[in-house]
Amino acid sequence: MARDMSDKDILKMELDQLKLEVNTPRTAVSTTAPEIIAFVEEKSAEDPLVKGVPEDKNPFKEKGGCIIT
């Protein structure tokens, strides 16, 4: 896509993108980190990657084995 565009067009796209980004509200990491930690700890009790999936509810459990004779 960029190959078909002139340098002027590319610079205009970059300028438009920067104009959008300059108005994006920013928040300090020190403010948001405790909120993220609290959210993750709250949801970890029901997270199957942390807690595991019961064998009877596991849709990927092998139903039978392969027997080679």
PDB file of N, CA and C in Angstrom:
ATOM      1  N   MET A   1       0.821  -1.178   0.000  1.00  0.00           N
ATOM      2  CA  MET A   1       0.000   0.000   0.000  1.00  0.00           C
ATOM      3  C   MET A   1       0.870   1.248   0.000  1.00  0.00           C
ATOM      4  N   ALA A   2       1.906   1.279   0.850  1.00  0.00           N
ATOM      5  CA  ALA A   2       2.749   2.459   0.941  1.00  0.00           C
ATOM      6  C   ALA A   2       3.560   2.664  -0.321  1.00  0.00           C
ATOM      7  N   ARG A   3       3.793   1.610  -1.075  1.00  0.00           N
ATOM      8  CA  ARG A   3       4.563   1.738  -2.304  1.00  0.00           C
ATOM      9  C   ARG A   3       3.815   2.560  -3.344  1.00  0.00           C
ATOM     10  N   ASP A   4       2.492   2.495  -3.330  1.00  0.00           N
ATOM     11  CA  ASP A   4       1.677   3.202  -4.311  1.00  0.00           C
ATOM     12  C   ASP A   4       1.450   4.662  -3.938  1.00  0.00           C
ATOM     13  N   MET A   5       1.868   5.058  -2.737  1.00  0.00           N
ATOM     14  CA  MET A   5       1.594   6.407  -2.256  1.00  0.00           C
ATOM     15  C   MET A   5       2.843   7.275  -2.367  1.00  0.00           C
ATOM     16  N   SER A   6       2.630   8.548  -2.572  1.00  0.00           N
ATOM     17  CA  SER A   6       3.754   9.467  -2.611  1.00  0.00           C
ATOM     18  C   SER A   6       4.193   9.786  -1.188  1.00  0.00           C
ATOM     19  N   ASP A   7       5.369  10.360  -1.069  1.00  0.00           N
ATOM     20  CA  ASP A   7       5.867  10.735   0.254  1.00  0.00           C
ATOM     21  C   ASP A   7       4.919  11.713   0.932  1.00  0.00           C
ATOM     22  N   LYS A   8       4.340  12.596   0.151  1.00  0.00           N
ATOM     23  CA  LYS A   8       3.412  13.588   0.697  1.00  0.00           C
ATOM     24  C   LYS A   8       2.176  12.899   1.280  1.00  0.00           C
ATOM     25  N   ASP A   9       1.664  11.897   0.579  1.00  0.00           N
ATOM     26  CA  ASP A   9       0.491  11.167   1.074  1.00  0.00           C
ATOM     27  C   ASP A   9       0.809  10.415   2.361  1.00  0.00           C
ATOM     28  N   ILE A  10       1.979   9.818   2.407  1.00  0.00           N
ATOM     29  CA  ILE A  10       2.386   9.069   3.601  1.00  0.00           C
ATOM     30  C   ILE A  10       2.526  10.016   4.788  1.00  0.00           C
ATOM     31  N   LEU A  11       3.158  11.160   4.574  1.00  0.00           N
ATOM     32  CA  LEU A  11       3.317  12.131   5.657  1.00  0.00           C
ATOM     33  C   LEU A  11       1.965  12.666   6.120  1.00  0.00           C
ATOM     34  N   LYS A  12       1.031  12.842   5.199  1.00  0.00           N
ATOM     35  CA  LYS A  12      -0.302  13.309   5.578  1.00  0.00           C
ATOM     36  C   LYS A  12      -1.007  12.266   6.443  1.00  0.00           C
ATOM     37  N   MET A  13      -0.875  10.998   6.073  1.00  0.00           N
ATOM     38  CA  MET A  13      -1.478   9.925   6.890  1.00  0.00           C
ATOM     39  C   MET A  13      -0.866   9.906   8.282  1.00  0.00           C
ATOM     40  N   GLU A  14       0.447  10.037   8.365  1.00  0.00           N
ATOM     41  CA  GLU A  14       1.118  10.052   9.667  1.00  0.00           C
ATOM     42  C   GLU A  14       0.654  11.236  10.503  1.00  0.00           C
ATOM     43  N   LEU A  15       0.530  12.404   9.875  1.00  0.00           N
ATOM     44  CA  LEU A  15       0.074  13.593  10.585  1.00  0.00           C
ATOM     45  C   LEU A  15      -1.346  13.415  11.098  1.00  0.00           C
ATOM     46  N   ASP A  16      -2.222  12.851  10.281  1.00  0.00           N
ATOM     47  CA  ASP A  16      -3.602  12.599  10.710  1.00  0.00           C
ATOM     48  C   ASP A  16      -3.634  11.645  11.904  1.00  0.00           C
ATOM     49  N   GLN A  17      -2.810  10.609  11.853  1.00  0.00           N
ATOM     50  CA  GLN A  17      -2.754   9.652  12.953  1.00  0.00           C
ATOM     51  C   GLN A  17      -2.249  10.320  14.233  1.00  0.00           C
ATOM     52  N   LEU A  18      -1.231  11.142  14.112  1.00  0.00           N
ATOM     53  CA  LEU A  18      -0.701  11.835  15.284  1.00  0.00           C
ATOM     54  C   LEU A  18      -1.718  12.811  15.869  1.00  0.00           C
ATOM     55  N   LYS A  19      -2.513  13.445  15.008  1.00  0.00           N
ATOM     56  CA  LYS A  19      -3.558  14.338  15.494  1.00  0.00           C
ATOM     57  C   LYS A  19      -4.594  13.573  16.305  1.00  0.00           C
ATOM     58  N   LEU A  20      -4.898  12.341  15.885  1.00  0.00           N
ATOM     59  CA  LEU A  20      -5.832  11.514  16.657  1.00  0.00           C
ATOM     60  C   LEU A  20      -5.223  11.104  17.995  1.00  0.00           C
ATOM     61  N   GLU A  21      -3.950  10.727  17.958  1.00  0.00           N
ATOM     62  CA  GLU A  21      -3.298  10.220  19.167  1.00  0.00           C
ATOM     63  C   GLU A  21      -3.055  11.300  20.204  1.00  0.00           C
ATOM     64  N   VAL A  22      -2.857  12.550  19.768  1.00  0.00           N
ATOM     65  CA  VAL A  22      -2.571  13.610  20.727  1.00  0.00           C
ATOM     66  C   VAL A  22      -3.766  13.870  21.638  1.00  0.00           C
ATOM     67  N   ASN A  23      -4.967  13.577  21.175  1.00  0.00           N
ATOM     68  CA  ASN A  23      -6.173  13.808  21.975  1.00  0.00           C
ATOM     69  C   ASN A  23      -6.562  12.605  22.833  1.00  0.00           C
ATOM     70  N   THR A  24      -5.819  11.521  22.744  1.00  0.00           N
ATOM     71  CA  THR A  24      -6.106  10.335  23.535  1.00  0.00           C
ATOM     72  C   THR A  24      -5.754  10.603  25.002  1.00  0.00           C
ATOM     73  N   PRO A  25      -6.703  10.393  25.903  1.00  0.00           N
ATOM     74  CA  PRO A  25      -6.387  10.627  27.324  1.00  0.00           C
ATOM     75  C   PRO A  25      -5.370   9.617  27.829  1.00  0.00           C
ATOM     76  N   ARG A  26      -4.427  10.091  28.598  1.00  0.00           N
ATOM     77  CA  ARG A  26      -3.361   9.245  29.152  1.00  0.00           C
ATOM     78  C   ARG A  26      -3.536   9.137  30.660  1.00  0.00           C
ATOM     79  N   THR A  27      -3.184   7.980  31.191  1.00  0.00           N
ATOM     80  CA  THR A  27      -3.242   7.746  32.626  1.00  0.00           C
ATOM     81  C   THR A  27      -1.924   7.124  33.055  1.00  0.00           C
ATOM     82  N   ALA A  28      -1.422   7.555  34.172  1.00  0.00           N
ATOM     83  CA  ALA A  28      -0.148   7.036  34.672  1.00  0.00           C
ATOM     84  C   ALA A  28      -0.274   5.557  35.019  1.00  0.00           C
ATOM     85  N   VAL A  29       0.781   4.818  34.745  1.00  0.00           N
ATOM     86  CA  VAL A  29       0.792   3.381  35.047  1.00  0.00           C
ATOM     87  C   VAL A  29       0.630   3.159  36.548  1.00  0.00           C
ATOM     88  N   SER A  30       1.201   4.033  37.353  1.00  0.00           N
ATOM     89  CA  SER A  30       1.085   3.884  38.806  1.00  0.00           C
ATOM     90  C   SER A  30      -0.369   3.987  39.267  1.00  0.00           C
ATOM     91  N   THR A  31      -1.210   4.626  38.484  1.00  0.00           N
ATOM     92  CA  THR A  31      -2.631   4.732  38.822  1.00  0.00           C
ATOM     93  C   THR A  31      -3.400   3.503  38.362  1.00  0.00           C
ATOM     94  N   THR A  32      -3.102   3.021  37.171  1.00  0.00           N
ATOM     95  CA  THR A  32      -3.878   1.918  36.613  1.00  0.00           C
ATOM     96  C   THR A  32      -3.403   0.542  37.064  1.00  0.00           C
ATOM     97  N   ALA A  33      -2.150   0.403  37.441  1.00  0.00           N
ATOM     98  CA  ALA A  33      -1.616  -0.912  37.826  1.00  0.00           C
ATOM     99  C   ALA A  33      -2.381  -1.540  38.995  1.00  0.00           C
ATOM    100  N   PRO A  34      -2.655  -0.822  40.073  1.00  0.00           N
ATOM    101  CA  PRO A  34      -3.433  -1.450  41.158  1.00  0.00           C
ATOM    102  C   PRO A  34      -4.825  -1.894  40.711  1.00  0.00           C
ATOM    103  N   GLU A  35      -5.454  -1.134  39.818  1.00  0.00           N
ATOM    104  CA  GLU A  35      -6.770  -1.525  39.321  1.00  0.00           C
ATOM    105  C   GLU A  35      -6.677  -2.806  38.498  1.00  0.00           C
ATOM    106  N   ILE A  36      -5.660  -2.926  37.680  1.00  0.00           N
ATOM    107  CA  ILE A  36      -5.475  -4.132  36.865  1.00  0.00           C
ATOM    108  C   ILE A  36      -5.185  -5.331  37.749  1.00  0.00           C
ATOM    109  N   ILE A  37      -4.343  -5.152  38.747  1.00  0.00           N
ATOM    110  CA  ILE A  37      -4.015  -6.246  39.670  1.00  0.00           C
ATOM    111  C   ILE A  37      -5.272  -6.714  40.397  1.00  0.00           C
ATOM    112  N   ALA A  38      -6.079  -5.779  40.873  1.00  0.00           N
ATOM    113  CA  ALA A  38      -7.313  -6.140  41.578  1.00  0.00           C
ATOM    114  C   ALA A  38      -8.263  -6.890  40.652  1.00  0.00           C
ATOM    115  N   PHE A  39      -8.377  -6.445  39.411  1.00  0.00           N
ATOM    116  CA  PHE A  39      -9.260  -7.102  38.451  1.00  0.00           C
ATOM    117  C   PHE A  39      -8.800  -8.532  38.183  1.00  0.00           C
ATOM    118  N   VAL A  40      -7.507  -8.714  37.956  1.00  0.00           N
ATOM    119  CA  VAL A  40      -6.968 -10.046  37.662  1.00  0.00           C
ATOM    120  C   VAL A  40      -7.144 -10.973  38.852  1.00  0.00           C
ATOM    121  N   GLU A  41      -6.873 -10.487  40.049  1.00  0.00           N
ATOM    122  CA  GLU A  41      -7.032 -11.322  41.241  1.00  0.00           C
ATOM    123  C   GLU A  41      -8.500 -11.683  41.474  1.00  0.00           C
ATOM    124  N   GLU A  42      -9.391 -10.769  41.159  1.00  0.00           N
ATOM    125  CA  GLU A  42     -10.825 -11.031  41.318  1.00  0.00           C
ATOM    126  C   GLU A  42     -11.295 -12.113  40.356  1.00  0.00           C
ATOM    127  N   LYS A  43     -10.804 -12.100  39.132  1.00  0.00           N
ATOM    128  CA  LYS A  43     -11.245 -13.043  38.106  1.00  0.00           C
ATOM    129  C   LYS A  43     -10.458 -14.355  38.112  1.00  0.00           C
ATOM    130  N   SER A  44      -9.363 -14.420  38.837  1.00  0.00           N
ATOM    131  CA  SER A  44      -8.514 -15.619  38.777  1.00  0.00           C
ATOM    132  C   SER A  44      -9.190 -16.862  39.352  1.00  0.00           C
ATOM    133  N   ALA A  45     -10.147 -16.688  40.254  1.00  0.00           N
ATOM    134  CA  ALA A  45     -10.821 -17.845  40.850  1.00  0.00           C
ATOM    135  C   ALA A  45     -11.638 -18.611  39.821  1.00  0.00           C
ATOM    136  N   GLU A  46     -12.141 -17.930  38.809  1.00  0.00           N
ATOM    137  CA  GLU A  46     -12.952 -18.604  37.794  1.00  0.00           C
ATOM    138  C   GLU A  46     -12.215 -18.774  36.470  1.00  0.00           C
ATOM    139  N   ASP A  47     -10.926 -18.503  36.457  1.00  0.00           N
ATOM    140  CA  ASP A  47     -10.134 -18.617  35.233  1.00  0.00           C
ATOM    141  C   ASP A  47      -9.705 -20.068  35.026  1.00  0.00           C
ATOM    142  N   PRO A  48     -10.119 -20.697  33.919  1.00  0.00           N
ATOM    143  CA  PRO A  48      -9.762 -22.102  33.710  1.00  0.00           C
ATOM    144  C   PRO A  48      -8.266 -22.313  33.477  1.00  0.00           C
ATOM    145  N   LEU A  49      -7.548 -21.297  33.042  1.00  0.00           N
ATOM    146  CA  LEU A  49      -6.102 -21.453  32.867  1.00  0.00           C
ATOM    147  C   LEU A  49      -5.379 -21.488  34.201  1.00  0.00           C
ATOM    148  N   VAL A  50      -5.937 -20.842  35.217  1.00  0.00           N
ATOM    149  CA  VAL A  50      -5.326 -20.835  36.541  1.00  0.00           C
ATOM    150  C   VAL A  50      -5.850 -22.001  37.365  1.00  0.00           C
ATOM    151  N   LYS A  51      -7.169 -22.176  37.357  1.00  0.00           N
ATOM    152  CA  LYS A  51      -7.832 -23.165  38.201  1.00  0.00           C
ATOM    153  C   LYS A  51      -7.831 -24.563  37.588  1.00  0.00           C
ATOM    154  N   GLY A  52      -7.913 -24.628  36.284  1.00  0.00           N
ATOM    155  CA  GLY A  52      -8.025 -25.917  35.617  1.00  0.00           C
ATOM    156  C   GLY A  52      -9.471 -26.207  35.253  1.00  0.00           C
ATOM    157  N   VAL A  53      -9.643 -27.150  34.360  1.00  0.00           N
ATOM    158  CA  VAL A  53     -10.980 -27.519  33.898  1.00  0.00           C
ATOM    159  C   VAL A  53     -11.299 -28.907  34.455  1.00  0.00           C
ATOM    160  N   PRO A  54     -12.480 -29.082  35.053  1.00  0.00           N
ATOM    161  CA  PRO A  54     -12.844 -30.419  35.540  1.00  0.00           C
ATOM    162  C   PRO A  54     -12.882 -31.417  34.373  1.00  0.00           C
ATOM    163  N   GLU A  55     -12.486 -32.634  34.634  1.00  0.00           N
ATOM    164  CA  GLU A  55     -12.419 -33.654  33.585  1.00  0.00           C
ATOM    165  C   GLU A  55     -13.764 -33.879  32.903  1.00  0.00           C
ATOM    166  N   ASP A  56     -14.856 -33.807  33.672  1.00  0.00           N
ATOM    167  CA  ASP A  56     -16.170 -34.069  33.069  1.00  0.00           C
ATOM    168  C   ASP A  56     -16.656 -32.912  32.185  1.00  0.00           C
ATOM    169  N   LYS A  57     -16.076 -31.728  32.327  1.00  0.00           N
ATOM    170  CA  LYS A  57     -16.477 -30.577  31.514  1.00  0.00           C
ATOM    171  C   LYS A  57     -15.449 -30.217  30.450  1.00  0.00           C
ATOM    172  N   ASN A  58     -14.413 -30.991  30.329  1.00  0.00           N
ATOM    173  CA  ASN A  58     -13.356 -30.700  29.362  1.00  0.00           C
ATOM    174  C   ASN A  58     -13.775 -31.197  27.979  1.00  0.00           C
ATOM    175  N   PRO A  59     -14.040 -30.281  27.037  1.00  0.00           N
ATOM    176  CA  PRO A  59     -14.473 -30.709  25.697  1.00  0.00           C
ATOM    177  C   PRO A  59     -13.335 -31.311  24.870  1.00  0.00           C
ATOM    178  N   PHE A  60     -12.101 -31.142  25.324  1.00  0.00           N
ATOM    179  CA  PHE A  60     -10.955 -31.637  24.562  1.00  0.00           C
ATOM    180  C   PHE A  60     -10.396 -32.945  25.124  1.00  0.00           C
ATOM    181  N   LYS A  61     -11.083 -33.502  26.089  1.00  0.00           N
ATOM    182  CA  LYS A  61     -10.644 -34.759  26.689  1.00  0.00           C
ATOM    183  C   LYS A  61     -10.746 -35.872  25.648  1.00  0.00           C
ATOM    184  N   GLU A  62      -9.715 -36.694  25.585  1.00  0.00           N
ATOM    185  CA  GLU A  62      -9.723 -37.807  24.627  1.00  0.00           C
ATOM    186  C   GLU A  62     -10.779 -38.821  25.040  1.00  0.00           C
ATOM    187  N   LYS A  63     -11.570 -39.211  24.088  1.00  0.00           N
ATOM    188  CA  LYS A  63     -12.672 -40.123  24.372  1.00  0.00           C
ATOM    189  C   LYS A  63     -12.209 -41.583  24.396  1.00  0.00           C
ATOM    190  N   GLY A  64     -11.183 -41.865  23.672  1.00  0.00           N
ATOM    191  CA  GLY A  64     -10.670 -43.223  23.665  1.00  0.00           C
ATOM    192  C   GLY A  64      -9.228 -43.218  23.195  1.00  0.00           C
ATOM    193  N   GLY A  65      -8.561 -44.250  23.459  1.00  0.00           N
ATOM    194  CA  GLY A  65      -7.172 -44.335  23.071  1.00  0.00           C
ATOM    195  C   GLY A  65      -6.999 -45.096  21.776  1.00  0.00           C
ATOM    196  N   CYS A  66      -5.838 -45.014  21.216  1.00  0.00           N
ATOM    197  CA  CYS A  66      -5.508 -45.716  20.008  1.00  0.00           C
ATOM    198  C   CYS A  66      -4.764 -47.003  20.379  1.00  0.00           C
ATOM    199  N   ILE A  67      -5.220 -48.099  19.870  1.00  0.00           N
ATOM    200  CA  ILE A  67      -4.578 -49.381  20.167  1.00  0.00           C
ATOM    201  C   ILE A  67      -3.916 -49.895  18.893  1.00  0.00           C
ATOM    202  N   ILE A  68      -2.626 -50.128  18.997  1.00  0.00           N
ATOM    203  CA  ILE A  68      -1.878 -50.641  17.852  1.00  0.00           C
ATOM    204  C   ILE A  68      -1.610 -52.120  18.099  1.00  0.00           C
ATOM    205  N   THR A  69      -2.009 -52.957  17.155  1.00  0.00           N
ATOM    206  CA  THR A  69      -1.807 -54.401  17.318  1.00  0.00           C
ATOM    207  C   THR A  69      -0.778 -54.913  16.351  1.00  0.00           C
TER     208      THR A  69
END
